[in-house]
Amino acid sequence: MQSISLVGVASGESKVLKYQIQNLEMSMLAFLQLNNIPIASSCGGKRVCETCTINGNILSCAITLEEFISNHGKVIEVDYL
């Protein structure tokens, strides 16, 4: 099992989220929800509301965990935590 860090920008708090190989195909939104991280998404992940942003401007519903790690590393930043 591997891990990725979640950091709250406002609070500076952090959490370590574990993931398995099968999680890599999940959207970041689904992965965060699986780990009980509250993330706004009034459209349910349909890329319409644009409220599920992570790392400043990345829509968590539009990127898989694997794509995120490949392109942005292993630190997820959210405005809250």
PDB file of N, CA and C in Angstrom:
ATOM      1  N   MET A   1       0.851  -1.182   0.000  1.00  0.00           N
ATOM      2  CA  MET A   1       0.000   0.000   0.000  1.00  0.00           C
ATOM      3  C   MET A   1       0.890   1.235   0.000  1.00  0.00           C
ATOM      4  N   GLN A   2       0.514   2.217  -0.804  1.00  0.00           N
ATOM      5  CA  GLN A   2       1.266   3.450  -0.891  1.00  0.00           C
ATOM      6  C   GLN A   2       0.447   4.585  -0.287  1.00  0.00           C
ATOM      7  N   SER A   3       1.053   5.774  -0.206  1.00  0.00           N
ATOM      8  CA  SER A   3       0.344   6.892   0.415  1.00  0.00           C
ATOM      9  C   SER A   3       0.570   8.193  -0.346  1.00  0.00           C
ATOM     10  N   ILE A   4      -0.343   9.112  -0.104  1.00  0.00           N
ATOM     11  CA  ILE A   4      -0.299  10.452  -0.671  1.00  0.00           C
ATOM     12  C   ILE A   4      -0.697  11.410   0.448  1.00  0.00           C
ATOM     13  N   SER A   5      -0.128  12.601   0.467  1.00  0.00           N
ATOM     14  CA  SER A   5      -0.413  13.568   1.529  1.00  0.00           C
ATOM     15  C   SER A   5      -1.506  14.541   1.111  1.00  0.00           C
ATOM     16  N   LEU A   6      -2.335  14.893   2.067  1.00  0.00           N
ATOM     17  CA  LEU A   6      -3.383  15.899   1.887  1.00  0.00           C
ATOM     18  C   LEU A   6      -3.071  17.039   2.833  1.00  0.00           C
ATOM     19  N   VAL A   7      -2.975  18.262   2.303  1.00  0.00           N
ATOM     20  CA  VAL A   7      -2.610  19.423   3.108  1.00  0.00           C
ATOM     21  C   VAL A   7      -3.693  20.483   2.992  1.00  0.00           C
ATOM     22  N   GLY A   8      -4.115  21.014   4.133  1.00  0.00           N
ATOM     23  CA  GLY A   8      -5.043  22.138   4.163  1.00  0.00           C
ATOM     24  C   GLY A   8      -4.256  23.430   4.068  1.00  0.00           C
ATOM     25  N   VAL A   9      -4.466  24.196   3.022  1.00  0.00           N
ATOM     26  CA  VAL A   9      -3.706  25.425   2.794  1.00  0.00           C
ATOM     27  C   VAL A   9      -3.943  26.426   3.925  1.00  0.00           C
ATOM     28  N   ALA A  10      -5.197  26.620   4.313  1.00  0.00           N
ATOM     29  CA  ALA A  10      -5.523  27.608   5.350  1.00  0.00           C
ATOM     30  C   ALA A  10      -5.017  27.192   6.729  1.00  0.00           C
ATOM     31  N   SER A  11      -5.172  25.926   7.061  1.00  0.00           N
ATOM     32  CA  SER A  11      -4.840  25.470   8.410  1.00  0.00           C
ATOM     33  C   SER A  11      -3.420  24.943   8.550  1.00  0.00           C
ATOM     34  N   GLY A  12      -2.826  24.503   7.456  1.00  0.00           N
ATOM     35  CA  GLY A  12      -1.508  23.881   7.520  1.00  0.00           C
ATOM     36  C   GLY A  12      -1.562  22.445   8.013  1.00  0.00           C
ATOM     37  N   GLU A  13      -2.755  21.958   8.321  1.00  0.00           N
ATOM     38  CA  GLU A  13      -2.908  20.577   8.781  1.00  0.00           C
ATOM     39  C   GLU A  13      -2.692  19.621   7.622  1.00  0.00           C
ATOM     40  N   SER A  14      -2.277  18.417   7.943  1.00  0.00           N
ATOM     41  CA  SER A  14      -2.087  17.426   6.893  1.00  0.00           C
ATOM     42  C   SER A  14      -2.555  16.055   7.346  1.00  0.00           C
ATOM     43  N   LYS A  15      -2.855  15.228   6.357  1.00  0.00           N
ATOM     44  CA  LYS A  15      -3.257  13.845   6.586  1.00  0.00           C
ATOM     45  C   LYS A  15      -2.549  12.997   5.556  1.00  0.00           C
ATOM     46  N   VAL A  16      -2.347  11.743   5.900  1.00  0.00           N
ATOM     47  CA  VAL A  16      -1.786  10.782   4.966  1.00  0.00           C
ATOM     48  C   VAL A  16      -2.913   9.867   4.530  1.00  0.00           C
ATOM     49  N   LEU A  17      -3.105   9.762   3.220  1.00  0.00           N
ATOM     50  CA  LEU A  17      -4.142   8.902   2.663  1.00  0.00           C
ATOM     51  C   LEU A  17      -3.476   7.718   1.982  1.00  0.00           C
ATOM     52  N   LYS A  18      -3.887   6.526   2.339  1.00  0.00           N
ATOM     53  CA  LYS A  18      -3.345   5.302   1.751  1.00  0.00           C
ATOM     54  C   LYS A  18      -4.133   4.947   0.496  1.00  0.00           C
ATOM     55  N   TYR A  19      -3.447   4.359  -0.470  1.00  0.00           N
ATOM     56  CA  TYR A  19      -4.133   3.889  -1.664  1.00  0.00           C
ATOM     57  C   TYR A  19      -3.510   2.585  -2.155  1.00  0.00           C
ATOM     58  N   GLN A  20      -4.319   1.831  -2.878  1.00  0.00           N
ATOM     59  CA  GLN A  20      -3.876   0.581  -3.476  1.00  0.00           C
ATOM     60  C   GLN A  20      -3.879   0.739  -4.987  1.00  0.00           C
ATOM     61  N   ILE A  21      -3.283  -0.203  -5.680  1.00  0.00           N
ATOM     62  CA  ILE A  21      -3.176  -0.152  -7.138  1.00  0.00           C
ATOM     63  C   ILE A  21      -4.541   0.084  -7.782  1.00  0.00           C
ATOM     64  N   GLN A  22      -5.584  -0.596  -7.302  1.00  0.00           N
ATOM     65  CA  GLN A  22      -6.910  -0.450  -7.913  1.00  0.00           C
ATOM     66  C   GLN A  22      -7.482   0.953  -7.739  1.00  0.00           C
ATOM     67  N   ASN A  23      -6.997   1.732  -6.796  1.00  0.00           N
ATOM     68  CA  ASN A  23      -7.461   3.106  -6.606  1.00  0.00           C
ATOM     69  C   ASN A  23      -6.928   4.063  -7.666  1.00  0.00           C
ATOM     70  N   LEU A  24      -5.867   3.695  -8.356  1.00  0.00           N
ATOM     71  CA  LEU A  24      -5.238   4.594  -9.330  1.00  0.00           C
ATOM     72  C   LEU A  24      -6.168   4.994 -10.463  1.00  0.00           C
ATOM     73  N   GLU A  25      -7.142   4.164 -10.784  1.00  0.00           N
ATOM     74  CA  GLU A  25      -8.092   4.449 -11.865  1.00  0.00           C
ATOM     75  C   GLU A  25      -9.215   5.398 -11.436  1.00  0.00           C
ATOM     76  N   MET A  26      -9.378   5.611 -10.137  1.00  0.00           N
ATOM     77  CA  MET A  26     -10.456   6.459  -9.608  1.00  0.00           C
ATOM     78  C   MET A  26     -10.183   7.926  -9.892  1.00  0.00           C
ATOM     79  N   SER A  27     -11.268   8.689 -10.019  1.00  0.00           N
ATOM     80  CA  SER A  27     -11.084  10.141 -10.080  1.00  0.00           C
ATOM     81  C   SER A  27     -10.595  10.597  -8.710  1.00  0.00           C
ATOM     82  N   MET A  28      -9.923  11.720  -8.685  1.00  0.00           N
ATOM     83  CA  MET A  28      -9.482  12.264  -7.399  1.00  0.00           C
ATOM     84  C   MET A  28     -10.684  12.559  -6.509  1.00  0.00           C
ATOM     85  N   LEU A  29     -11.779  13.018  -7.100  1.00  0.00           N
ATOM     86  CA  LEU A  29     -12.996  13.284  -6.329  1.00  0.00           C
ATOM     87  C   LEU A  29     -13.465  12.013  -5.632  1.00  0.00           C
ATOM     88  N   ALA A  30     -13.569  10.920  -6.373  1.00  0.00           N
ATOM     89  CA  ALA A  30     -14.020   9.646  -5.789  1.00  0.00           C
ATOM     90  C   ALA A  30     -13.031   9.148  -4.733  1.00  0.00           C
ATOM     91  N   PHE A  31     -11.739   9.313  -4.991  1.00  0.00           N
ATOM     92  CA  PHE A  31     -10.723   8.890  -4.025  1.00  0.00           C
ATOM     93  C   PHE A  31     -10.829   9.677  -2.726  1.00  0.00           C
ATOM     94  N   LEU A  32     -11.004  10.986  -2.830  1.00  0.00           N
ATOM     95  CA  LEU A  32     -11.143  11.817  -1.634  1.00  0.00           C
ATOM     96  C   LEU A  32     -12.421  11.459  -0.865  1.00  0.00           C
ATOM     97  N   GLN A  33     -13.505  11.245  -1.588  1.00  0.00           N
ATOM     98  CA  GLN A  33     -14.753  10.857  -0.939  1.00  0.00           C
ATOM     99  C   GLN A  33     -14.618   9.495  -0.266  1.00  0.00           C
ATOM    100  N   LEU A  34     -13.924   8.555  -0.902  1.00  0.00           N
ATOM    101  CA  LEU A  34     -13.677   7.239  -0.321  1.00  0.00           C
ATOM    102  C   LEU A  34     -12.943   7.360   1.012  1.00  0.00           C
ATOM    103  N   ASN A  35     -12.086   8.363   1.109  1.00  0.00           N
ATOM    104  CA  ASN A  35     -11.304   8.591   2.330  1.00  0.00           C
ATOM    105  C   ASN A  35     -11.966   9.574   3.287  1.00  0.00           C
ATOM    106  N   ASN A  36     -13.259   9.810   3.094  1.00  0.00           N
ATOM    107  CA  ASN A  36     -14.056  10.679   3.980  1.00  0.00           C
ATOM    108  C   ASN A  36     -13.523  12.106   4.057  1.00  0.00           C
ATOM    109  N   ILE A  37     -12.986  12.598   2.946  1.00  0.00           N
ATOM    110  CA  ILE A  37     -12.532  13.992   2.864  1.00  0.00           C
ATOM    111  C   ILE A  37     -13.682  14.783   2.246  1.00  0.00           C
ATOM    112  N   PRO A  38     -14.242  15.735   2.968  1.00  0.00           N
ATOM    113  CA  PRO A  38     -15.349  16.514   2.405  1.00  0.00           C
ATOM    114  C   PRO A  38     -14.849  17.434   1.295  1.00  0.00           C
ATOM    115  N   ILE A  39     -15.431  17.280   0.136  1.00  0.00           N
ATOM    116  CA  ILE A  39     -15.045  18.113  -0.994  1.00  0.00           C
ATOM    117  C   ILE A  39     -16.312  18.530  -1.730  1.00  0.00           C
ATOM    118  N   ALA A  40     -16.422  19.808  -2.010  1.00  0.00           N
ATOM    119  CA  ALA A  40     -17.622  20.341  -2.662  1.00  0.00           C
ATOM    120  C   ALA A  40     -17.750  19.789  -4.075  1.00  0.00           C
ATOM    121  N   SER A  41     -18.963  19.397  -4.425  1.00  0.00           N
ATOM    122  CA  SER A  41     -19.241  18.926  -5.783  1.00  0.00           C
ATOM    123  C   SER A  41     -20.744  18.859  -5.970  1.00  0.00           C
ATOM    124  N   SER A  42     -21.356  19.980  -6.291  1.00  0.00           N
ATOM    125  CA  SER A  42     -22.810  20.007  -6.434  1.00  0.00           C
ATOM    126  C   SER A  42     -23.295  19.289  -7.684  1.00  0.00           C
ATOM    127  N   CYS A  43     -22.410  19.050  -8.663  1.00  0.00           N
ATOM    128  CA  CYS A  43     -22.824  18.356  -9.890  1.00  0.00           C
ATOM    129  C   CYS A  43     -22.556  16.855  -9.827  1.00  0.00           C
ATOM    130  N   GLY A  44     -21.964  16.385  -8.738  1.00  0.00           N
ATOM    131  CA  GLY A  44     -21.707  14.958  -8.595  1.00  0.00           C
ATOM    132  C   GLY A  44     -20.592  14.434  -9.480  1.00  0.00           C
ATOM    133  N   GLY A  45     -19.653  15.276  -9.842  1.00  0.00           N
ATOM    134  CA  GLY A  45     -18.504  14.837 -10.625  1.00  0.00           C
ATOM    135  C   GLY A  45     -18.698  14.881 -12.127  1.00  0.00           C
ATOM    136  N   LYS A  46     -19.620  15.688 -12.598  1.00  0.00           N
ATOM    137  CA  LYS A  46     -19.898  15.775 -14.040  1.00  0.00           C
ATOM    138  C   LYS A  46     -19.149  16.914 -14.729  1.00  0.00           C
ATOM    139  N   ARG A  47     -18.226  17.536 -14.024  1.00  0.00           N
ATOM    140  CA  ARG A  47     -17.381  18.616 -14.564  1.00  0.00           C
ATOM    141  C   ARG A  47     -18.176  19.861 -14.940  1.00  0.00           C
ATOM    142  N   VAL A  48     -19.238  20.133 -14.213  1.00  0.00           N
ATOM    143  CA  VAL A  48     -20.080  21.284 -14.523  1.00  0.00           C
ATOM    144  C   VAL A  48     -19.906  22.400 -13.501  1.00  0.00           C
ATOM    145  N   CYS A  49     -19.986  22.077 -12.223  1.00  0.00           N
ATOM    146  CA  CYS A  49     -20.005  23.123 -11.190  1.00  0.00           C
ATOM    147  C   CYS A  49     -18.623  23.722 -10.906  1.00  0.00           C
ATOM    148  N   GLU A  50     -17.569  22.972 -11.176  1.00  0.00           N
ATOM    149  CA  GLU A  50     -16.192  23.414 -10.967  1.00  0.00           C
ATOM    150  C   GLU A  50     -15.889  23.826  -9.531  1.00  0.00           C
ATOM    151  N   THR A  51     -16.521  23.161  -8.566  1.00  0.00           N
ATOM    152  CA  THR A  51     -16.270  23.473  -7.159  1.00  0.00           C
ATOM    153  C   THR A  51     -15.315  22.497  -6.481  1.00  0.00           C
ATOM    154  N   CYS A  52     -14.977  21.413  -7.141  1.00  0.00           N
ATOM    155  CA  CYS A  52     -14.163  20.366  -6.508  1.00  0.00           C
ATOM    156  C   CYS A  52     -12.668  20.551  -6.770  1.00  0.00           C
ATOM    157  N   THR A  53     -12.204  21.777  -6.699  1.00  0.00           N
ATOM    158  CA  THR A  53     -10.807  22.051  -7.039  1.00  0.00           C
ATOM    159  C   THR A  53      -9.838  21.606  -5.945  1.00  0.00           C
ATOM    160  N   ILE A  54      -8.698  21.140  -6.410  1.00  0.00           N
ATOM    161  CA  ILE A  54      -7.571  20.795  -5.549  1.00  0.00           C
ATOM    162  C   ILE A  54      -6.337  21.439  -6.157  1.00  0.00           C
ATOM    163  N   ASN A  55      -5.325  21.642  -5.366  1.00  0.00           N
ATOM    164  CA  ASN A  55      -4.071  22.247  -5.825  1.00  0.00           C
ATOM    165  C   ASN A  55      -4.314  23.515  -6.646  1.00  0.00           C
ATOM    166  N   GLY A  56      -5.224  24.334  -6.149  1.00  0.00           N
ATOM    167  CA  GLY A  56      -5.470  25.632  -6.762  1.00  0.00           C
ATOM    168  C   GLY A  56      -6.524  25.646  -7.836  1.00  0.00           C
ATOM    169  N   ASN A  57      -6.328  24.855  -8.901  1.00  0.00           N
ATOM    170  CA  ASN A  57      -7.262  24.955 -10.026  1.00  0.00           C
ATOM    171  C   ASN A  57      -7.533  23.637 -10.748  1.00  0.00           C
ATOM    172  N   ILE A  58      -7.173  22.518 -10.156  1.00  0.00           N
ATOM    173  CA  ILE A  58      -7.392  21.217 -10.779  1.00  0.00           C
ATOM    174  C   ILE A  58      -8.753  20.686 -10.340  1.00  0.00           C
ATOM    175  N   LEU A  59      -9.605  20.353 -11.307  1.00  0.00           N
ATOM    176  CA  LEU A  59     -10.896  19.753 -10.972  1.00  0.00           C
ATOM    177  C   LEU A  59     -10.655  18.304 -10.568  1.00  0.00           C
ATOM    178  N   SER A  60     -10.991  17.964  -9.340  1.00  0.00           N
ATOM    179  CA  SER A  60     -10.737  16.606  -8.859  1.00  0.00           C
ATOM    180  C   SER A  60     -11.574  15.563  -9.582  1.00  0.00           C
ATOM    181  N   CYS A  61     -12.678  15.978 -10.186  1.00  0.00           N
ATOM    182  CA  CYS A  61     -13.527  15.044 -10.935  1.00  0.00           C
ATOM    183  C   CYS A  61     -12.976  14.762 -12.322  1.00  0.00           C
ATOM    184  N   ALA A  62     -12.020  15.554 -12.769  1.00  0.00           N
ATOM    185  CA  ALA A  62     -11.526  15.459 -14.142  1.00  0.00           C
ATOM    186  C   ALA A  62     -10.161  14.791 -14.254  1.00  0.00           C
ATOM    187  N   ILE A  63      -9.633  14.278 -13.145  1.00  0.00           N
ATOM    188  CA  ILE A  63      -8.298  13.686 -13.167  1.00  0.00           C
ATOM    189  C   ILE A  63      -8.294  12.442 -12.280  1.00  0.00           C
ATOM    190  N   THR A  64      -7.633  11.384 -12.751  1.00  0.00           N
ATOM    191  CA  THR A  64      -7.540  10.176 -11.941  1.00  0.00           C
ATOM    192  C   THR A  64      -6.405  10.325 -10.930  1.00  0.00           C
ATOM    193  N   LEU A  65      -6.420   9.469  -9.949  1.00  0.00           N
ATOM    194  CA  LEU A  65      -5.344   9.463  -8.960  1.00  0.00           C
ATOM    195  C   LEU A  65      -4.007   9.228  -9.655  1.00  0.00           C
ATOM    196  N   GLU A  66      -3.971   8.308 -10.602  1.00  0.00           N
ATOM    197  CA  GLU A  66      -2.731   8.019 -11.326  1.00  0.00           C
ATOM    198  C   GLU A  66      -2.235   9.232 -12.109  1.00  0.00           C
ATOM    199  N   GLU A  67      -3.128   9.922 -12.813  1.00  0.00           N
ATOM    200  CA  GLU A  67      -2.745  11.121 -13.569  1.00  0.00           C
ATOM    201  C   GLU A  67      -2.251  12.211 -12.625  1.00  0.00           C
ATOM    202  N   PHE A  68      -2.931  12.369 -11.488  1.00  0.00           N
ATOM    203  CA  PHE A  68      -2.527  13.388 -10.530  1.00  0.00           C
ATOM    204  C   PHE A  68      -1.103  13.133 -10.048  1.00  0.00           C
ATOM    205  N   ILE A  69      -0.837  11.906  -9.614  1.00  0.00           N
ATOM    206  CA  ILE A  69       0.493  11.574  -9.100  1.00  0.00           C
ATOM    207  C   ILE A  69       1.552  11.769 -10.183  1.00  0.00           C
ATOM    208  N   SER A  70       1.255  11.328 -11.400  1.00  0.00           N
ATOM    209  CA  SER A  70       2.213  11.461 -12.506  1.00  0.00           C
ATOM    210  C   SER A  70       2.526  12.911 -12.835  1.00  0.00           C
ATOM    211  N   ASN A  71       1.513  13.773 -12.776  1.00  0.00           N
ATOM    212  CA  ASN A  71       1.683  15.164 -13.195  1.00  0.00           C
ATOM    213  C   ASN A  71       1.929  16.164 -12.074  1.00  0.00           C
ATOM    214  N   HIS A  72       1.531  15.821 -10.843  1.00  0.00           N
ATOM    215  CA  HIS A  72       1.591  16.803  -9.758  1.00  0.00           C
ATOM    216  C   HIS A  72       2.267  16.292  -8.485  1.00  0.00           C
ATOM    217  N   GLY A  73       2.690  15.055  -8.472  1.00  0.00           N
ATOM    218  CA  GLY A  73       3.355  14.515  -7.293  1.00  0.00           C
ATOM    219  C   GLY A  73       2.381  13.948  -6.278  1.00  0.00           C
ATOM    220  N   LYS A  74       2.845  13.794  -5.067  1.00  0.00           N
ATOM    221  CA  LYS A  74       2.063  13.126  -4.029  1.00  0.00           C
ATOM    222  C   LYS A  74       1.608  14.052  -2.909  1.00  0.00           C
ATOM    223  N   VAL A  75       1.314  15.300  -3.257  1.00  0.00           N
ATOM    224  CA  VAL A  75       0.763  16.239  -2.272  1.00  0.00           C
ATOM    225  C   VAL A  75      -0.492  16.864  -2.864  1.00  0.00           C
ATOM    226  N   ILE A  76      -1.610  16.623  -2.204  1.00  0.00           N
ATOM    227  CA  ILE A  76      -2.895  17.226  -2.587  1.00  0.00           C
ATOM    228  C   ILE A  76      -3.103  18.421  -1.692  1.00  0.00           C
ATOM    229  N   GLU A  77      -3.374  19.583  -2.259  1.00  0.00           N
ATOM    230  CA  GLU A  77      -3.667  20.774  -1.463  1.00  0.00           C
ATOM    231  C   GLU A  77      -5.141  21.141  -1.617  1.00  0.00           C
ATOM    232  N   VAL A  78      -5.787  21.357  -0.488  1.00  0.00           N
ATOM    233  CA  VAL A  78      -7.166  21.843  -0.469  1.00  0.00           C
ATOM    234  C   VAL A  78      -7.181  23.121   0.369  1.00  0.00           C
ATOM    235  N   ASP A  79      -8.149  23.979   0.118  1.00  0.00           N
ATOM    236  CA  ASP A  79      -8.217  25.246   0.847  1.00  0.00           C
ATOM    237  C   ASP A  79      -8.567  25.040   2.323  1.00  0.00           C
ATOM    238  N   TYR A  80      -9.217  23.963   2.641  1.00  0.00           N
ATOM    239  CA  TYR A  80      -9.715  23.663   3.990  1.00  0.00           C
ATOM    240  C   TYR A  80      -9.164  22.315   4.419  1.00  0.00           C
ATOM    241  N   LEU A  81      -9.303  22.001   5.658  1.00  0.00           N
ATOM    242  CA  LEU A  81      -9.030  20.653   6.176  1.00  0.00           C
ATOM    243  C   LEU A  81      -9.380  20.607   7.636  1.00  0.00           C
TER     244      LEU A  81
END
